Amino acid sequence: MKNLSFVFAAVAVLGLSSCKSKPVIEVPRSDALWNLISTQCLPLHKIGEEKNPCIEVNIAQGEEKGYVVFKDRVGDLQYLLMPTEKITGMESPEIRAADATNYFDLAWKARSYMEKKHGSAIPVEAVSLAINSQFGRSQNQLHIHVSCVKPLVQQHLQEQSAKLKNGWSLLPQPLLGHKYYARKVSEKELEKGNAFQMLADGVPGAKDHSGEFGLGLVAVKDKKKGHSLILLTSRFERGTNNYGSVEEIQDHSCPQLAH
């Protein structure tokens, strides 16, 4: 299993957490995630090997439509959902195709792995999704971070949620010091639609410069519906400390779940 050892060694430095707003000492190979998927997760799945580094490998619709779920080493409850096809990231047109796999919705459903690991139910408002822009990542394979949201971020969005509609709007106040656009989205819209296409269709510049944007999802309490979902996006800004690393909304230590 030399290949697996090499891949784990390569990604252990950052624990596959690729937000550039965090200080790093060493950057892993940018193909480490793809090597993990293509040389370990897929081959071991095909031979039925139980010791697969990916806890889920789904290629029911073929590898070009499949996905894997991987337990990240940073945080007890952080997971990554990734395509089994070589798809680089936010700039890849494949993720916005009419017949594209709905990776974003699948990632939202993958929060069930957080609950299994945690051993009990987790409030939906504690969970978030995040993808970094091509300027705010270290890995050139699309990967969606499934992890806890920072309580401060959740509180900020909870306070703003009443003002948000089904279309994108600029948050009146910066989030974590950065400019963010946000919009409400229903569970049905998330499942039947395409979050990447929603971004391209609704945010200035996103259609022609999709790689400059990160994308996130947070849940907030709603008196009528129980909870509402909010899509978030931030754009890489040259000459600033904003790399479009939407992973910054997450806290992989999950302080809200501490007993």
C-alpha atoms as a PDB file:
ATOM      1  CA  MET A   1       0.000   0.000   0.000  1.00  0.00           C
ATOM      2  CA  LYS A   2       2.858   2.389  -0.732  1.00  0.00           C
ATOM      3  CA  ASN A   3       0.687   4.654  -2.849  1.00  0.00           C
ATOM      4  CA  LEU A   4      -1.799   5.129  -0.029  1.00  0.00           C
ATOM      5  CA  SER A   5       0.971   5.914   2.437  1.00  0.00           C
ATOM      6  CA  PHE A   6       2.379   8.494   0.048  1.00  0.00           C
ATOM      7  CA  VAL A   7      -0.982  10.161  -0.482  1.00  0.00           C
ATOM      8  CA  PHE A   8      -1.714  10.332   3.234  1.00  0.00           C
ATOM      9  CA  ALA A   9       1.736  11.766   3.872  1.00  0.00           C
ATOM     10  CA  ALA A  10       1.210  14.378   1.184  1.00  0.00           C
ATOM     11  CA  VAL A  11      -2.136  15.566   2.474  1.00  0.00           C
ATOM     12  CA  ALA A  12      -1.534  15.244   6.217  1.00  0.00           C
ATOM     13  CA  VAL A  13       0.231  18.608   6.378  1.00  0.00           C
ATOM     14  CA  LEU A  14      -3.008  20.501   5.767  1.00  0.00           C
ATOM     15  CA  GLY A  15      -5.381  17.681   6.566  1.00  0.00           C
ATOM     16  CA  LEU A  16      -6.853  18.405   3.123  1.00  0.00           C
ATOM     17  CA  SER A  17      -8.099  21.717   4.450  1.00  0.00           C
ATOM     18  CA  SER A  18      -7.185  24.094   1.662  1.00  0.00           C
ATOM     19  CA  CYS A  19      -8.256  27.566   2.755  1.00  0.00           C
ATOM     20  CA  LYS A  20      -5.427  29.985   1.933  1.00  0.00           C
ATOM     21  CA  SER A  21      -6.550  32.441   4.569  1.00  0.00           C
ATOM     22  CA  LYS A  22      -4.984  30.050   7.088  1.00  0.00           C
ATOM     23  CA  PRO A  23      -1.215  30.040   7.637  1.00  0.00           C
ATOM     24  CA  VAL A  24       0.561  27.016   6.202  1.00  0.00           C
ATOM     25  CA  ILE A  25       4.059  25.677   6.602  1.00  0.00           C
ATOM     26  CA  GLU A  26       4.094  23.349   3.656  1.00  0.00           C
ATOM     27  CA  VAL A  27       1.732  22.909   0.729  1.00  0.00           C
ATOM     28  CA  PRO A  28       0.866  19.357  -0.345  1.00  0.00           C
ATOM     29  CA  ARG A  29       0.972  18.287  -3.958  1.00  0.00           C
ATOM     30  CA  SER A  30      -1.990  19.798  -5.774  1.00  0.00           C
ATOM     31  CA  ASP A  31      -2.922  16.381  -7.187  1.00  0.00           C
ATOM     32  CA  ALA A  32      -2.962  14.601  -3.803  1.00  0.00           C
ATOM     33  CA  LEU A  33      -6.755  14.378  -3.644  1.00  0.00           C
ATOM     34  CA  TRP A  34      -7.037  13.128  -7.208  1.00  0.00           C
ATOM     35  CA  ASN A  35      -4.357  10.514  -6.548  1.00  0.00           C
ATOM     36  CA  LEU A  36      -6.299   9.370  -3.501  1.00  0.00           C
ATOM     37  CA  ILE A  37      -9.486   8.966  -5.522  1.00  0.00           C
ATOM     38  CA  SER A  38      -7.997   7.419  -8.659  1.00  0.00           C
ATOM     39  CA  THR A  39      -5.321   5.138  -7.185  1.00  0.00           C
ATOM     40  CA  GLN A  40      -6.962   4.094  -3.926  1.00  0.00           C
ATOM     41  CA  CYS A  41     -10.669   4.755  -3.467  1.00  0.00           C
ATOM     42  CA  LEU A  42     -11.852   3.590  -6.896  1.00  0.00           C
ATOM     43  CA  PRO A  43      -9.565   0.531  -7.289  1.00  0.00           C
ATOM     44  CA  LEU A  44     -10.246  -0.734  -3.761  1.00  0.00           C
ATOM     45  CA  HIS A  45     -13.985  -0.233  -4.211  1.00  0.00           C
ATOM     46  CA  LYS A  46     -13.957  -2.326  -7.381  1.00  0.00           C
ATOM     47  CA  ILE A  47     -12.353  -5.297  -5.636  1.00  0.00           C
ATOM     48  CA  GLY A  48     -14.528  -4.927  -2.563  1.00  0.00           C
ATOM     49  CA  GLU A  49     -11.658  -4.046  -0.222  1.00  0.00           C
ATOM     50  CA  GLU A  50     -13.120  -3.027   3.140  1.00  0.00           C
ATOM     51  CA  LYS A  51     -10.139  -0.866   4.134  1.00  0.00           C
ATOM     52  CA  ASN A  52     -10.976   1.875   1.664  1.00  0.00           C
ATOM     53  CA  PRO A  53      -9.752   5.370   2.626  1.00  0.00           C
ATOM     54  CA  CYS A  54     -13.042   6.754   1.261  1.00  0.00           C
ATOM     55  CA  ILE A  55     -16.012   5.904   3.466  1.00  0.00           C
ATOM     56  CA  GLU A  56     -18.354   6.066   0.471  1.00  0.00           C
ATOM     57  CA  VAL A  57     -17.702   5.414  -3.206  1.00  0.00           C
ATOM     58  CA  ASN A  58     -20.741   5.776  -5.455  1.00  0.00           C
ATOM     59  CA  ILE A  59     -20.279   4.986  -9.144  1.00  0.00           C
ATOM     60  CA  ALA A  60     -23.770   3.625  -9.759  1.00  0.00           C
ATOM     61  CA  GLN A  61     -24.123   6.013 -12.728  1.00  0.00           C
ATOM     62  CA  GLY A  62     -20.539   5.485 -13.895  1.00  0.00           C
ATOM     63  CA  GLU A  63     -17.267   7.071 -12.819  1.00  0.00           C
ATOM     64  CA  GLU A  64     -17.946  10.204 -14.857  1.00  0.00           C
ATOM     65  CA  LYS A  65     -21.036  10.812 -12.686  1.00  0.00           C
ATOM     66  CA  GLY A  66     -19.826   9.325  -9.424  1.00  0.00           C
ATOM     67  CA  TYR A  67     -18.556  10.722  -6.154  1.00  0.00           C
ATOM     68  CA  VAL A  68     -16.690   9.753  -3.011  1.00  0.00           C
ATOM     69  CA  VAL A  69     -16.872  10.873   0.608  1.00  0.00           C
ATOM     70  CA  PHE A  70     -13.620  11.111   2.532  1.00  0.00           C
ATOM     71  CA  LYS A  71     -12.969  11.817   6.221  1.00  0.00           C
ATOM     72  CA  ASP A  72     -10.645  14.807   6.447  1.00  0.00           C
ATOM     73  CA  ARG A  73      -7.932  14.693   9.102  1.00  0.00           C
ATOM     74  CA  VAL A  74      -8.658  18.227  10.300  1.00  0.00           C
ATOM     75  CA  GLY A  75     -11.476  18.160  12.847  1.00  0.00           C
ATOM     76  CA  ASP A  76     -13.355  15.194  14.232  1.00  0.00           C
ATOM     77  CA  LEU A  77     -16.379  15.796  12.007  1.00  0.00           C
ATOM     78  CA  GLN A  78     -15.098  17.287   8.746  1.00  0.00           C
ATOM     79  CA  TYR A  79     -15.721  15.356   5.521  1.00  0.00           C
ATOM     80  CA  LEU A  80     -15.015  16.006   1.845  1.00  0.00           C
ATOM     81  CA  LEU A  81     -17.283  15.086  -1.051  1.00  0.00           C
ATOM     82  CA  MET A  82     -15.467  14.795  -4.382  1.00  0.00           C
ATOM     83  CA  PRO A  83     -16.252  13.683  -7.959  1.00  0.00           C
ATOM     84  CA  THR A  84     -14.758  10.436  -9.225  1.00  0.00           C
ATOM     85  CA  GLU A  85     -14.221  12.250 -12.530  1.00  0.00           C
ATOM     86  CA  LYS A  86     -11.193  14.552 -12.845  1.00  0.00           C
ATOM     87  CA  ILE A  87     -12.865  17.912 -12.244  1.00  0.00           C
ATOM     88  CA  THR A  88     -10.522  20.691 -11.201  1.00  0.00           C
ATOM     89  CA  GLY A  89     -12.777  23.080  -9.306  1.00  0.00           C
ATOM     90  CA  MET A  90     -15.133  26.048  -9.455  1.00  0.00           C
ATOM     91  CA  GLU A  91     -13.828  27.047 -12.888  1.00  0.00           C
ATOM     92  CA  SER A  92     -14.735  23.666 -14.446  1.00  0.00           C
ATOM     93  CA  PRO A  93     -17.710  23.916 -16.864  1.00  0.00           C
ATOM     94  CA  GLU A  94     -18.685  20.284 -16.149  1.00  0.00           C
ATOM     95  CA  ILE A  95     -20.221  21.201 -12.804  1.00  0.00           C
ATOM     96  CA  ARG A  96     -22.705  23.556 -14.494  1.00  0.00           C
ATOM     97  CA  ALA A  97     -23.769  21.205 -17.285  1.00  0.00           C
ATOM     98  CA  ALA A  98     -27.461  20.374 -17.577  1.00  0.00           C
ATOM     99  CA  ASP A  99     -26.780  16.705 -16.783  1.00  0.00           C
ATOM    100  CA  ALA A 100     -24.140  17.331 -14.107  1.00  0.00           C
ATOM    101  CA  THR A 101     -24.181  15.341 -10.886  1.00  0.00           C
ATOM    102  CA  ASN A 102     -25.635  17.478  -8.117  1.00  0.00           C
ATOM    103  CA  TYR A 103     -22.501  17.394  -5.982  1.00  0.00           C
ATOM    104  CA  PHE A 104     -23.637  20.269  -3.784  1.00  0.00           C
ATOM    105  CA  ASP A 105     -26.886  18.594  -2.752  1.00  0.00           C
ATOM    106  CA  LEU A 106     -25.080  15.289  -2.237  1.00  0.00           C
ATOM    107  CA  ALA A 107     -22.608  17.071   0.036  1.00  0.00           C
ATOM    108  CA  TRP A 108     -25.478  18.531   2.064  1.00  0.00           C
ATOM    109  CA  LYS A 109     -26.933  15.042   2.486  1.00  0.00           C
ATOM    110  CA  ALA A 110     -23.469  13.743   3.457  1.00  0.00           C
ATOM    111  CA  ARG A 111     -23.807  15.604   6.770  1.00  0.00           C
ATOM    112  CA  SER A 112     -25.293  12.303   7.947  1.00  0.00           C
ATOM    113  CA  TYR A 113     -21.701  11.086   8.287  1.00  0.00           C
ATOM    114  CA  MET A 114     -21.059  13.889  10.753  1.00  0.00           C
ATOM    115  CA  GLU A 115     -23.931  12.631  12.873  1.00  0.00           C
ATOM    116  CA  LYS A 116     -22.742   9.033  12.707  1.00  0.00           C
ATOM    117  CA  LYS A 117     -19.286  10.081  13.829  1.00  0.00           C
ATOM    118  CA  HIS A 118     -20.709  12.367  16.501  1.00  0.00           C
ATOM    119  CA  GLY A 119     -22.966   9.620  17.803  1.00  0.00           C
ATOM    120  CA  SER A 120     -26.106  11.746  17.970  1.00  0.00           C
ATOM    121  CA  ALA A 121     -28.197  14.201  15.986  1.00  0.00           C
ATOM    122  CA  ILE A 122     -26.562  17.489  15.014  1.00  0.00           C
ATOM    123  CA  PRO A 123     -28.685  20.640  14.634  1.00  0.00           C
ATOM    124  CA  VAL A 124     -28.858  21.517  10.960  1.00  0.00           C
ATOM    125  CA  GLU A 125     -27.889  25.089  11.867  1.00  0.00           C
ATOM    126  CA  ALA A 126     -24.498  23.791  12.999  1.00  0.00           C
ATOM    127  CA  VAL A 127     -23.595  22.379   9.577  1.00  0.00           C
ATOM    128  CA  SER A 128     -22.160  24.153   6.539  1.00  0.00           C
ATOM    129  CA  LEU A 129     -20.707  23.459   3.098  1.00  0.00           C
ATOM    130  CA  ALA A 130     -17.770  25.272   1.531  1.00  0.00           C
ATOM    131  CA  ILE A 131     -15.776  25.259  -1.706  1.00  0.00           C
ATOM    132  CA  ASN A 132     -12.801  27.548  -2.202  1.00  0.00           C
ATOM    133  CA  SER A 133     -12.024  29.478  -5.361  1.00  0.00           C
ATOM    134  CA  GLN A 134      -9.129  28.421  -7.583  1.00  0.00           C
ATOM    135  CA  PHE A 135      -7.066  31.168  -5.915  1.00  0.00           C
ATOM    136  CA  GLY A 136      -7.942  30.001  -2.407  1.00  0.00           C
ATOM    137  CA  ARG A 137      -7.254  26.288  -2.623  1.00  0.00           C
ATOM    138  CA  SER A 138      -4.263  23.992  -2.610  1.00  0.00           C
ATOM    139  CA  GLN A 139      -5.899  21.023  -4.370  1.00  0.00           C
ATOM    140  CA  ASN A 140      -6.858  20.828  -8.037  1.00  0.00           C
ATOM    141  CA  GLN A 141      -9.719  18.398  -7.588  1.00  0.00           C
ATOM    142  CA  LEU A 142     -13.178  19.706  -6.774  1.00  0.00           C
ATOM    143  CA  HIS A 143     -13.857  19.044  -3.094  1.00  0.00           C
ATOM    144  CA  ILE A 144     -16.715  20.254  -0.961  1.00  0.00           C
ATOM    145  CA  HIS A 145     -15.985  20.707   2.735  1.00  0.00           C
ATOM    146  CA  VAL A 146     -18.785  19.355   4.938  1.00  0.00           C
ATOM    147  CA  SER A 147     -18.206  20.670   8.444  1.00  0.00           C
ATOM    148  CA  CYS A 148     -19.472  22.883  11.256  1.00  0.00           C
ATOM    149  CA  VAL A 149     -20.130  26.558  10.650  1.00  0.00           C
ATOM    150  CA  LYS A 150     -18.464  29.189  12.796  1.00  0.00           C
ATOM    151  CA  PRO A 151     -21.047  30.265  15.415  1.00  0.00           C
ATOM    152  CA  LEU A 152     -20.308  33.925  14.637  1.00  0.00           C
ATOM    153  CA  VAL A 153     -21.089  33.348  10.957  1.00  0.00           C
ATOM    154  CA  GLN A 154     -24.298  31.500  11.756  1.00  0.00           C
ATOM    155  CA  GLN A 155     -25.392  34.288  14.091  1.00  0.00           C
ATOM    156  CA  HIS A 156     -24.593  36.959  11.492  1.00  0.00           C
ATOM    157  CA  LEU A 157     -26.644  35.190   8.837  1.00  0.00           C
ATOM    158  CA  GLN A 158     -29.465  34.467  11.266  1.00  0.00           C
ATOM    159  CA  GLU A 159     -29.758  38.205  11.878  1.00  0.00           C
ATOM    160  CA  GLN A 160     -29.714  38.961   8.143  1.00  0.00           C
ATOM    161  CA  SER A 161     -31.957  36.103   7.008  1.00  0.00           C
ATOM    162  CA  ALA A 162     -35.244  38.017   7.153  1.00  0.00           C
ATOM    163  CA  LYS A 163     -33.891  40.464   4.569  1.00  0.00           C
ATOM    164  CA  LEU A 164     -32.731  37.787   2.140  1.00  0.00           C
ATOM    165  CA  LYS A 165     -34.873  36.658  -0.782  1.00  0.00           C
ATOM    166  CA  ASN A 166     -34.629  33.919  -3.395  1.00  0.00           C
ATOM    167  CA  GLY A 167     -32.356  36.110  -5.504  1.00  0.00           C
ATOM    168  CA  TRP A 168     -28.761  37.032  -4.770  1.00  0.00           C
ATOM    169  CA  SER A 169     -28.002  40.209  -2.835  1.00  0.00           C
ATOM    170  CA  LEU A 170     -24.891  41.710  -1.317  1.00  0.00           C
ATOM    171  CA  LEU A 171     -24.798  41.351   2.459  1.00  0.00           C
ATOM    172  CA  PRO A 172     -25.034  44.881   3.900  1.00  0.00           C
ATOM    173  CA  GLN A 173     -22.148  44.175   6.266  1.00  0.00           C
ATOM    174  CA  PRO A 174     -18.930  42.266   5.453  1.00  0.00           C
ATOM    175  CA  LEU A 175     -18.743  38.702   6.701  1.00  0.00           C
ATOM    176  CA  LEU A 176     -15.415  37.912   8.367  1.00  0.00           C
ATOM    177  CA  GLY A 177     -14.133  41.131   6.848  1.00  0.00           C
ATOM    178  CA  HIS A 178     -14.980  40.080   3.283  1.00  0.00           C
ATOM    179  CA  LYS A 179     -17.694  40.959   0.787  1.00  0.00           C
ATOM    180  CA  TYR A 180     -20.296  38.204   0.421  1.00  0.00           C
ATOM    181  CA  TYR A 181     -23.377  37.739  -1.719  1.00  0.00           C
ATOM    182  CA  ALA A 182     -26.167  35.569  -0.317  1.00  0.00           C
ATOM    183  CA  ARG A 183     -29.530  34.143  -1.298  1.00  0.00           C
ATOM    184  CA  LYS A 184     -32.088  31.845   0.235  1.00  0.00           C
ATOM    185  CA  VAL A 185     -32.627  28.458  -1.375  1.00  0.00           C
ATOM    186  CA  SER A 186     -35.152  25.777  -0.503  1.00  0.00           C
ATOM    187  CA  GLU A 187     -34.300  22.133   0.083  1.00  0.00           C
ATOM    188  CA  LYS A 188     -36.202  21.320  -3.105  1.00  0.00           C
ATOM    189  CA  GLU A 189     -34.294  23.918  -5.127  1.00  0.00           C
ATOM    190  CA  LEU A 190     -31.023  22.555  -3.814  1.00  0.00           C
ATOM    191  CA  GLU A 191     -32.028  19.014  -4.741  1.00  0.00           C
ATOM    192  CA  LYS A 192     -33.602  19.715  -8.130  1.00  0.00           C
ATOM    193  CA  GLY A 193     -31.397  22.609  -9.215  1.00  0.00           C
ATOM    194  CA  ASN A 194     -27.693  23.268  -9.577  1.00  0.00           C
ATOM    195  CA  ALA A 195     -26.071  25.590  -7.013  1.00  0.00           C
ATOM    196  CA  PHE A 196     -23.139  26.263  -9.347  1.00  0.00           C
ATOM    197  CA  GLN A 197     -25.480  27.387 -12.103  1.00  0.00           C
ATOM    198  CA  MET A 198     -27.454  29.511  -9.622  1.00  0.00           C
ATOM    199  CA  LEU A 199     -24.203  31.294  -8.848  1.00  0.00           C
ATOM    200  CA  ALA A 200     -23.330  31.795 -12.511  1.00  0.00           C
ATOM    201  CA  ASP A 201     -26.796  33.093 -13.328  1.00  0.00           C
ATOM    202  CA  GLY A 202     -27.214  35.462 -10.421  1.00  0.00           C
ATOM    203  CA  VAL A 203     -23.955  37.024  -9.241  1.00  0.00           C
ATOM    204  CA  PRO A 204     -22.120  39.708 -11.247  1.00  0.00           C
ATOM    205  CA  GLY A 205     -18.999  38.286 -12.895  1.00  0.00           C
ATOM    206  CA  ALA A 206     -19.634  34.679 -11.868  1.00  0.00           C
ATOM    207  CA  LYS A 207     -20.630  33.450 -15.322  1.00  0.00           C
ATOM    208  CA  ASP A 208     -17.377  34.490 -17.012  1.00  0.00           C
ATOM    209  CA  HIS A 209     -15.037  34.238 -14.017  1.00  0.00           C
ATOM    210  CA  SER A 210     -16.408  31.299 -12.047  1.00  0.00           C
ATOM    211  CA  GLY A 211     -12.962  30.243 -10.809  1.00  0.00           C
ATOM    212  CA  GLU A 212     -12.655  33.462  -8.828  1.00  0.00           C
ATOM    213  CA  PHE A 213     -15.631  32.546  -6.640  1.00  0.00           C
ATOM    214  CA  GLY A 214     -16.011  30.299  -3.630  1.00  0.00           C
ATOM    215  CA  LEU A 215     -19.385  28.870  -2.645  1.00  0.00           C
ATOM    216  CA  GLY A 216     -20.931  27.964   0.683  1.00  0.00           C
ATOM    217  CA  LEU A 217     -24.170  26.890   2.360  1.00  0.00           C
ATOM    218  CA  VAL A 218     -25.437  27.623   5.861  1.00  0.00           C
ATOM    219  CA  ALA A 219     -28.756  26.871   7.580  1.00  0.00           C
ATOM    220  CA  VAL A 220     -30.618  29.327   9.797  1.00  0.00           C
ATOM    221  CA  LYS A 221     -33.674  28.903  12.000  1.00  0.00           C
ATOM    222  CA  ASP A 222     -37.029  29.776  10.475  1.00  0.00           C
ATOM    223  CA  LYS A 223     -40.233  30.011  12.518  1.00  0.00           C
ATOM    224  CA  LYS A 224     -42.431  28.770   9.665  1.00  0.00           C
ATOM    225  CA  LYS A 225     -40.196  26.184   7.997  1.00  0.00           C
ATOM    226  CA  GLY A 226     -38.024  25.076  10.899  1.00  0.00           C
ATOM    227  CA  HIS A 227     -34.933  26.184   9.014  1.00  0.00           C
ATOM    228  CA  SER A 228     -33.933  27.974   5.830  1.00  0.00           C
ATOM    229  CA  LEU A 229     -30.849  27.466   3.685  1.00  0.00           C
ATOM    230  CA  ILE A 230     -28.592  30.303   2.598  1.00  0.00           C
ATOM    231  CA  LEU A 231     -26.141  30.085  -0.288  1.00  0.00           C
ATOM    232  CA  LEU A 232     -23.057  32.261   0.096  1.00  0.00           C
ATOM    233  CA  THR A 233     -20.350  33.353  -2.287  1.00  0.00           C
ATOM    234  CA  SER A 234     -17.247  35.507  -2.057  1.00  0.00           C
ATOM    235  CA  ARG A 235     -14.923  36.528  -4.880  1.00  0.00           C
ATOM    236  CA  PHE A 236     -11.158  36.595  -5.002  1.00  0.00           C
ATOM    237  CA  GLU A 237      -9.988  40.209  -4.873  1.00  0.00           C
ATOM    238  CA  ARG A 238      -6.517  40.973  -6.159  1.00  0.00           C
ATOM    239  CA  GLY A 239      -4.352  42.977  -3.812  1.00  0.00           C
ATOM    240  CA  THR A 240      -6.378  41.994  -0.727  1.00  0.00           C
ATOM    241  CA  ASN A 241      -6.460  39.094   1.710  1.00  0.00           C
ATOM    242  CA  ASN A 242      -9.673  37.783   0.163  1.00  0.00           C
ATOM    243  CA  TYR A 243      -8.813  34.668  -1.829  1.00  0.00           C
ATOM    244  CA  GLY A 244     -12.399  33.523  -2.248  1.00  0.00           C
ATOM    245  CA  SER A 245     -11.738  30.906   0.441  1.00  0.00           C
ATOM    246  CA  VAL A 246     -15.282  30.350   1.633  1.00  0.00           C
ATOM    247  CA  GLU A 247     -13.972  27.609   3.909  1.00  0.00           C
ATOM    248  CA  GLU A 248     -13.296  30.504   6.272  1.00  0.00           C
ATOM    249  CA  ILE A 249     -16.954  30.281   7.374  1.00  0.00           C
ATOM    250  CA  GLN A 250     -16.252  26.882   8.936  1.00  0.00           C
ATOM    251  CA  ASP A 251     -14.852  25.859  12.312  1.00  0.00           C
ATOM    252  CA  HIS A 252     -13.662  22.272  12.107  1.00  0.00           C
ATOM    253  CA  SER A 253     -13.441  22.022  15.905  1.00  0.00           C
ATOM    254  CA  CYS A 254     -17.256  22.347  16.110  1.00  0.00           C
ATOM    255  CA  PRO A 255     -17.376  24.408  19.326  1.00  0.00           C
ATOM    256  CA  GLN A 256     -21.186  24.469  19.315  1.00  0.00           C
ATOM    257  CA  LEU A 257     -21.220  20.692  19.785  1.00  0.00           C
ATOM    258  CA  ALA A 258     -18.867  20.642  22.775  1.00  0.00           C
ATOM    259  CA  HIS A 259     -20.418  19.312  25.943  1.00  0.00           C
END
